[in-house]
Amino acid sequence: MKTDIRVVIDEGSPRAADCMRVFWRRDVPVVSDKPMWVMVPEYDRPMQAYRLDVGRITPEERERLVQHLAGRYAPLLDDEINESLDKYGMPILADDCTVVVQHPLKWID
């Protein structure tokens, strides 16, 4: 598992306050250092995003994330959000963050 890969949500990003409210910090673990194309409800075109590594957040962080998403995307239920997080993960827009790879030399083949 690539535990050395994180993103830092840019301080000026509209999502920085959400990140602080949910994770109590602006850096979060992601699955890969490469973004993917996703459709996000607020945009009418595909956006590049990193995928939050939900397996590496604490149960408390996950609960706060679920509550945040439930409030933002009502009337989704907590169970639906948890199922979606497990199945699809959560995108973090590449425009809103900087990827950080600690110990990058160990990832070079």
N, C-alpha and C. Protein backbone atom coordinates (compact mmCIF):
# COMPACT_ATOMS: atom_id res chain seq x y z
N MET A 1 0.84 -1.18 0.00
CA MET A 1 0.00 0.00 0.00
C MET A 1 0.88 1.24 0.00
N LYS A 2 0.52 2.19 -0.78
CA LYS A 2 1.31 3.41 -0.90
C LYS A 2 0.92 4.39 0.21
N THR A 3 1.44 4.17 1.38
CA THR A 3 1.08 4.99 2.53
C THR A 3 1.80 6.33 2.54
N ASP A 4 2.71 6.54 1.61
CA ASP A 4 3.46 7.78 1.57
C ASP A 4 2.81 8.85 0.70
N ILE A 5 1.63 8.58 0.17
CA ILE A 5 0.99 9.52 -0.75
C ILE A 5 -0.16 10.22 -0.06
N ARG A 6 -0.10 11.54 -0.08
CA ARG A 6 -1.13 12.37 0.54
C ARG A 6 -1.37 13.57 -0.37
N VAL A 7 -2.49 14.24 -0.15
CA VAL A 7 -2.70 15.54 -0.78
C VAL A 7 -2.91 16.56 0.32
N VAL A 8 -2.51 17.77 0.04
CA VAL A 8 -2.74 18.88 0.95
C VAL A 8 -3.72 19.81 0.26
N ILE A 9 -4.87 20.01 0.88
CA ILE A 9 -5.88 20.90 0.32
C ILE A 9 -5.35 22.32 0.44
N ASP A 10 -5.34 23.04 -0.69
CA ASP A 10 -4.82 24.40 -0.71
C ASP A 10 -5.62 25.30 0.23
N GLU A 11 -4.91 26.12 0.98
CA GLU A 11 -5.54 26.98 1.98
C GLU A 11 -6.61 27.88 1.36
N GLY A 12 -6.38 28.36 0.15
CA GLY A 12 -7.34 29.24 -0.51
C GLY A 12 -8.48 28.52 -1.20
N SER A 13 -8.47 27.21 -1.18
CA SER A 13 -9.51 26.42 -1.84
C SER A 13 -10.85 26.56 -1.12
N PRO A 14 -11.94 26.55 -1.88
CA PRO A 14 -13.26 26.58 -1.24
C PRO A 14 -13.50 25.36 -0.34
N ARG A 15 -12.76 24.27 -0.56
CA ARG A 15 -12.97 23.04 0.22
C ARG A 15 -12.05 22.93 1.44
N ALA A 16 -11.17 23.89 1.63
CA ALA A 16 -10.24 23.83 2.77
C ALA A 16 -10.99 23.82 4.10
N ALA A 17 -12.00 24.65 4.23
CA ALA A 17 -12.78 24.70 5.48
C ALA A 17 -13.50 23.38 5.71
N ASP A 18 -14.04 22.77 4.65
CA ASP A 18 -14.70 21.47 4.78
C ASP A 18 -13.71 20.41 5.26
N CYS A 19 -12.52 20.43 4.70
CA CYS A 19 -11.50 19.47 5.07
C CYS A 19 -11.12 19.63 6.55
N MET A 20 -10.97 20.86 6.99
CA MET A 20 -10.64 21.09 8.40
C MET A 20 -11.78 20.64 9.31
N ARG A 21 -13.02 20.86 8.89
CA ARG A 21 -14.18 20.47 9.69
C ARG A 21 -14.27 18.95 9.82
N VAL A 22 -13.93 18.24 8.76
CA VAL A 22 -14.06 16.78 8.76
C VAL A 22 -12.83 16.09 9.34
N PHE A 23 -11.64 16.49 8.86
CA PHE A 23 -10.42 15.77 9.23
C PHE A 23 -9.57 16.49 10.28
N TRP A 24 -9.90 17.73 10.58
CA TRP A 24 -9.17 18.56 11.53
C TRP A 24 -7.75 18.85 11.05
N ARG A 25 -7.56 18.72 9.74
CA ARG A 25 -6.28 19.02 9.10
C ARG A 25 -6.56 19.18 7.61
N ARG A 26 -5.57 19.68 6.86
CA ARG A 26 -5.76 19.86 5.42
C ARG A 26 -5.07 18.80 4.59
N ASP A 27 -4.35 17.88 5.20
CA ASP A 27 -3.71 16.81 4.43
C ASP A 27 -4.45 15.50 4.68
N VAL A 28 -4.67 14.77 3.60
CA VAL A 28 -5.40 13.50 3.69
C VAL A 28 -4.72 12.45 2.81
N PRO A 29 -4.86 11.17 3.17
CA PRO A 29 -4.26 10.10 2.36
C PRO A 29 -5.07 9.87 1.09
N VAL A 30 -4.37 9.58 0.01
CA VAL A 30 -5.03 9.25 -1.26
C VAL A 30 -4.50 7.93 -1.78
N VAL A 31 -5.25 7.33 -2.68
CA VAL A 31 -4.93 6.01 -3.21
C VAL A 31 -3.73 6.05 -4.15
N SER A 32 -3.61 7.11 -4.93
CA SER A 32 -2.57 7.18 -5.95
C SER A 32 -2.07 8.61 -6.11
N ASP A 33 -0.85 8.73 -6.62
CA ASP A 33 -0.31 10.06 -6.90
C ASP A 33 -0.75 10.57 -8.27
N LYS A 34 -1.55 9.76 -8.96
CA LYS A 34 -2.05 10.15 -10.28
C LYS A 34 -3.54 10.44 -10.20
N PRO A 35 -3.95 11.61 -10.69
CA PRO A 35 -5.39 11.92 -10.66
C PRO A 35 -6.15 11.12 -11.71
N MET A 36 -7.45 11.04 -11.55
CA MET A 36 -8.32 10.38 -12.51
C MET A 36 -9.42 11.35 -12.92
N TRP A 37 -10.11 11.06 -13.99
CA TRP A 37 -11.22 11.90 -14.44
C TRP A 37 -12.49 11.42 -13.76
N VAL A 38 -13.25 12.35 -13.18
CA VAL A 38 -14.50 12.01 -12.50
C VAL A 38 -15.55 13.07 -12.82
N MET A 39 -16.80 12.67 -12.65
CA MET A 39 -17.90 13.63 -12.71
C MET A 39 -18.26 14.00 -11.27
N VAL A 40 -18.32 15.29 -11.01
CA VAL A 40 -18.64 15.80 -9.68
C VAL A 40 -19.95 16.58 -9.81
N PRO A 41 -20.89 16.39 -8.87
CA PRO A 41 -22.21 17.02 -9.00
C PRO A 41 -22.19 18.53 -9.28
N GLU A 42 -21.23 19.26 -8.74
CA GLU A 42 -21.23 20.71 -8.90
C GLU A 42 -20.74 21.17 -10.28
N TYR A 43 -20.21 20.26 -11.09
CA TYR A 43 -19.62 20.64 -12.37
C TYR A 43 -20.31 19.90 -13.51
N ASP A 44 -20.37 20.54 -14.66
CA ASP A 44 -21.03 19.93 -15.81
C ASP A 44 -20.03 19.29 -16.77
N ARG A 45 -18.81 19.11 -16.33
CA ARG A 45 -17.78 18.48 -17.15
C ARG A 45 -16.90 17.61 -16.25
N PRO A 46 -16.20 16.66 -16.84
CA PRO A 46 -15.30 15.83 -16.03
C PRO A 46 -14.19 16.68 -15.41
N MET A 47 -13.79 16.31 -14.21
CA MET A 47 -12.74 17.01 -13.48
C MET A 47 -11.67 15.99 -13.07
N GLN A 48 -10.42 16.45 -13.00
CA GLN A 48 -9.37 15.57 -12.49
C GLN A 48 -9.43 15.58 -10.96
N ALA A 49 -9.28 14.41 -10.38
CA ALA A 49 -9.36 14.29 -8.93
C ALA A 49 -8.50 13.13 -8.45
N TYR A 50 -8.07 13.26 -7.21
CA TYR A 50 -7.43 12.16 -6.50
C TYR A 50 -8.52 11.47 -5.70
N ARG A 51 -8.31 10.21 -5.35
CA ARG A 51 -9.32 9.49 -4.59
C ARG A 51 -8.85 9.31 -3.15
N LEU A 52 -9.65 9.81 -2.22
CA LEU A 52 -9.37 9.64 -0.80
C LEU A 52 -9.20 8.16 -0.49
N ASP A 53 -8.18 7.83 0.28
CA ASP A 53 -7.99 6.46 0.73
C ASP A 53 -8.81 6.27 2.00
N VAL A 54 -10.06 5.86 1.83
CA VAL A 54 -10.96 5.75 2.98
C VAL A 54 -10.52 4.67 3.96
N GLY A 55 -9.69 3.75 3.52
CA GLY A 55 -9.17 2.72 4.42
C GLY A 55 -8.13 3.25 5.39
N ARG A 56 -7.62 4.45 5.14
CA ARG A 56 -6.58 5.02 5.99
C ARG A 56 -7.06 6.21 6.82
N ILE A 57 -8.36 6.43 6.87
CA ILE A 57 -8.87 7.46 7.78
C ILE A 57 -9.44 6.76 9.00
N THR A 58 -9.52 7.49 10.10
CA THR A 58 -10.01 6.88 11.34
C THR A 58 -11.52 6.72 11.29
N PRO A 59 -12.08 5.84 12.12
CA PRO A 59 -13.55 5.71 12.18
C PRO A 59 -14.23 7.04 12.52
N GLU A 60 -13.61 7.84 13.37
CA GLU A 60 -14.19 9.14 13.73
C GLU A 60 -14.19 10.09 12.52
N GLU A 61 -13.09 10.07 11.76
CA GLU A 61 -13.02 10.91 10.56
C GLU A 61 -14.06 10.46 9.54
N ARG A 62 -14.20 9.17 9.39
CA ARG A 62 -15.19 8.65 8.44
C ARG A 62 -16.60 9.08 8.87
N GLU A 63 -16.90 8.98 10.14
CA GLU A 63 -18.23 9.39 10.62
C GLU A 63 -18.47 10.87 10.36
N ARG A 64 -17.47 11.71 10.62
CA ARG A 64 -17.62 13.14 10.33
C ARG A 64 -17.78 13.38 8.83
N LEU A 65 -17.05 12.61 8.02
CA LEU A 65 -17.18 12.73 6.56
C LEU A 65 -18.59 12.35 6.12
N VAL A 66 -19.10 11.25 6.63
CA VAL A 66 -20.45 10.81 6.28
C VAL A 66 -21.47 11.88 6.67
N GLN A 67 -21.35 12.43 7.86
CA GLN A 67 -22.28 13.47 8.30
C GLN A 67 -22.18 14.72 7.43
N HIS A 68 -20.96 15.09 7.06
CA HIS A 68 -20.75 16.25 6.18
C HIS A 68 -21.41 16.01 4.82
N LEU A 69 -21.19 14.83 4.24
CA LEU A 69 -21.76 14.53 2.93
C LEU A 69 -23.28 14.41 3.00
N ALA A 70 -23.79 13.86 4.10
CA ALA A 70 -25.25 13.76 4.27
C ALA A 70 -25.88 15.14 4.32
N GLY A 71 -25.23 16.08 4.98
CA GLY A 71 -25.75 17.44 5.04
C GLY A 71 -25.66 18.14 3.69
N ARG A 72 -24.63 17.84 2.96
CA ARG A 72 -24.40 18.51 1.68
C ARG A 72 -25.27 17.93 0.56
N TYR A 73 -25.49 16.63 0.60
CA TYR A 73 -26.22 15.96 -0.48
C TYR A 73 -27.52 15.33 0.01
N ALA A 74 -28.20 15.99 0.93
CA ALA A 74 -29.49 15.49 1.42
C ALA A 74 -30.41 15.28 0.22
N PRO A 75 -31.19 14.27 0.20
CA PRO A 75 -31.63 13.39 1.29
C PRO A 75 -30.91 12.04 1.35
N LEU A 76 -29.64 11.97 0.94
CA LEU A 76 -28.91 10.70 1.04
C LEU A 76 -28.84 10.24 2.49
N LEU A 77 -28.97 8.95 2.68
CA LEU A 77 -28.88 8.35 4.01
C LEU A 77 -27.45 7.96 4.32
N ASP A 78 -27.12 7.88 5.61
CA ASP A 78 -25.77 7.50 6.02
C ASP A 78 -25.35 6.17 5.40
N ASP A 79 -26.27 5.20 5.36
CA ASP A 79 -25.93 3.89 4.79
C ASP A 79 -25.59 4.01 3.31
N GLU A 80 -26.31 4.85 2.59
CA GLU A 80 -26.03 5.05 1.16
C GLU A 80 -24.65 5.69 0.97
N ILE A 81 -24.34 6.64 1.82
CA ILE A 81 -23.04 7.32 1.73
C ILE A 81 -21.92 6.35 2.06
N ASN A 82 -22.06 5.58 3.12
CA ASN A 82 -21.04 4.59 3.48
C ASN A 82 -20.84 3.58 2.36
N GLU A 83 -21.92 3.12 1.76
CA GLU A 83 -21.82 2.17 0.66
C GLU A 83 -21.09 2.80 -0.53
N SER A 84 -21.41 4.04 -0.83
CA SER A 84 -20.77 4.75 -1.94
C SER A 84 -19.28 4.97 -1.67
N LEU A 85 -18.94 5.33 -0.42
CA LEU A 85 -17.53 5.50 -0.06
C LEU A 85 -16.76 4.20 -0.24
N ASP A 86 -17.35 3.09 0.17
CA ASP A 86 -16.69 1.79 0.02
C ASP A 86 -16.55 1.39 -1.44
N LYS A 87 -17.56 1.68 -2.23
CA LYS A 87 -17.57 1.25 -3.63
C LYS A 87 -16.77 2.18 -4.54
N TYR A 88 -16.93 3.51 -4.35
CA TYR A 88 -16.33 4.47 -5.28
C TYR A 88 -15.25 5.35 -4.66
N GLY A 89 -15.20 5.42 -3.34
CA GLY A 89 -14.29 6.35 -2.69
C GLY A 89 -14.84 7.77 -2.74
N MET A 90 -13.98 8.73 -2.47
CA MET A 90 -14.38 10.12 -2.52
C MET A 90 -13.35 10.91 -3.31
N PRO A 91 -13.81 11.67 -4.31
CA PRO A 91 -12.85 12.45 -5.09
C PRO A 91 -12.40 13.71 -4.35
N ILE A 92 -11.16 14.07 -4.58
CA ILE A 92 -10.61 15.34 -4.10
C ILE A 92 -10.08 16.04 -5.34
N LEU A 93 -10.71 17.14 -5.70
CA LEU A 93 -10.37 17.82 -6.95
C LEU A 93 -8.90 18.20 -7.00
N ALA A 94 -8.25 17.85 -8.11
CA ALA A 94 -6.84 18.17 -8.28
C ALA A 94 -6.60 19.68 -8.26
N ASP A 95 -7.57 20.45 -8.73
CA ASP A 95 -7.44 21.91 -8.72
C ASP A 95 -7.37 22.49 -7.31
N ASP A 96 -7.83 21.72 -6.32
CA ASP A 96 -7.91 22.20 -4.94
C ASP A 96 -6.76 21.75 -4.06
N CYS A 97 -5.79 21.02 -4.60
CA CYS A 97 -4.79 20.43 -3.72
C CYS A 97 -3.43 20.28 -4.39
N THR A 98 -2.48 19.90 -3.57
CA THR A 98 -1.12 19.57 -4.01
C THR A 98 -0.82 18.16 -3.54
N VAL A 99 -0.32 17.32 -4.44
CA VAL A 99 0.03 15.96 -4.05
C VAL A 99 1.42 15.96 -3.43
N VAL A 100 1.57 15.16 -2.37
CA VAL A 100 2.84 15.04 -1.67
C VAL A 100 3.20 13.56 -1.62
N VAL A 101 4.39 13.24 -2.12
CA VAL A 101 4.88 11.86 -2.05
C VAL A 101 6.11 11.86 -1.16
N GLN A 102 5.96 11.29 0.02
CA GLN A 102 7.10 11.17 0.93
C GLN A 102 7.95 9.99 0.47
N HIS A 103 9.24 10.11 0.61
CA HIS A 103 10.17 9.05 0.22
C HIS A 103 9.97 8.67 -1.25
N PRO A 104 10.00 9.64 -2.18
CA PRO A 104 9.69 9.34 -3.58
C PRO A 104 10.64 8.35 -4.24
N LEU A 105 11.88 8.27 -3.78
CA LEU A 105 12.83 7.37 -4.43
C LEU A 105 12.44 5.90 -4.32
N LYS A 106 11.73 5.53 -3.28
CA LYS A 106 11.35 4.13 -3.14
C LYS A 106 10.26 3.72 -4.13
N TRP A 107 9.62 4.68 -4.80
CA TRP A 107 8.57 4.37 -5.76
C TRP A 107 9.11 4.29 -7.19
N ILE A 108 10.38 4.59 -7.38
CA ILE A 108 10.97 4.55 -8.71
C ILE A 108 11.39 3.12 -9.02
N ASP A 109 10.94 2.62 -10.16
CA ASP A 109 11.31 1.25 -10.58
C ASP A 109 12.60 1.28 -11.34
